[in-house]
Protein backbone atom coordinates (compact mmCIF):
# COMPACT_ATOMS: atom_id res chain seq x y z
CA UNK A 1 91.82 168.66 89.85
CA UNK A 2 95.57 168.75 90.50
CA UNK A 3 96.26 166.44 87.56
CA UNK A 4 94.24 168.68 85.28
CA UNK A 5 96.16 171.80 86.37
CA UNK A 6 99.49 170.03 86.00
CA UNK A 7 98.62 168.99 82.44
CA UNK A 8 97.67 172.57 81.57
CA UNK A 9 101.24 173.71 82.29
CA UNK A 10 102.28 172.01 79.07
CA UNK A 11 99.47 173.57 77.02
CA UNK A 12 99.98 177.16 78.19
CA UNK A 13 100.16 179.87 75.56
CA UNK A 14 101.44 183.34 76.23
CA UNK A 15 100.70 186.48 74.26
CA UNK A 16 100.80 190.21 74.77
CA UNK A 17 98.58 192.85 73.26
CA UNK A 18 99.66 196.46 73.62
CA UNK A 19 96.59 198.65 73.48
CA UNK A 20 95.70 202.15 74.65
CA UNK A 21 99.21 203.48 74.30
CA UNK A 22 98.02 206.96 73.40
CA UNK A 23 99.34 208.61 70.27
CA UNK A 24 102.53 206.55 70.23
CA UNK A 25 103.08 203.99 67.51
CA UNK A 26 105.83 201.86 66.06
CA UNK A 27 107.01 203.04 62.69
CA UNK A 28 107.36 200.63 59.77
CA UNK A 29 111.14 200.98 60.04
CA UNK A 30 111.09 200.15 63.77
CA UNK A 31 108.85 197.15 63.13
CA UNK A 32 111.22 195.94 60.42
CA UNK A 33 114.17 196.28 62.84
CA UNK A 34 112.28 194.35 65.54
CA UNK A 35 111.42 191.53 63.12
CA UNK A 36 115.01 191.34 61.88
CA UNK A 37 116.35 191.17 65.43
CA UNK A 38 113.72 188.59 66.43
CA UNK A 39 114.87 186.34 63.59
CA UNK A 40 118.44 186.36 64.92
CA UNK A 41 117.54 185.06 68.39
CA UNK A 42 118.71 181.59 69.36
CA UNK A 43 116.08 179.71 71.39
CA UNK A 44 117.06 178.45 74.83
CA UNK A 45 114.84 175.41 74.30
CA UNK A 46 114.44 174.27 70.70
CA UNK A 47 111.15 172.47 71.33
CA UNK A 48 109.36 175.65 72.50
CA UNK A 49 107.72 177.31 69.52
CA UNK A 50 107.79 181.10 69.41
CA UNK A 51 105.98 183.29 66.90
CA UNK A 52 105.68 187.04 66.43
CA UNK A 53 102.62 188.41 64.67
CA UNK A 54 101.70 191.98 63.74
CA UNK A 55 97.96 192.59 64.05
């Protein structure tokens, strides 16, 4: 059991869904600014893959 849990640490995926935020929304311009800023980030660990997706 412990070996299985330890191995899962390396397969973990993280994601966030923001739902039920009322009438608030991100404008197209704000989303564009977020994407542009995201693309300028320098990863702390190159081997960790990070992706942003608009759904």
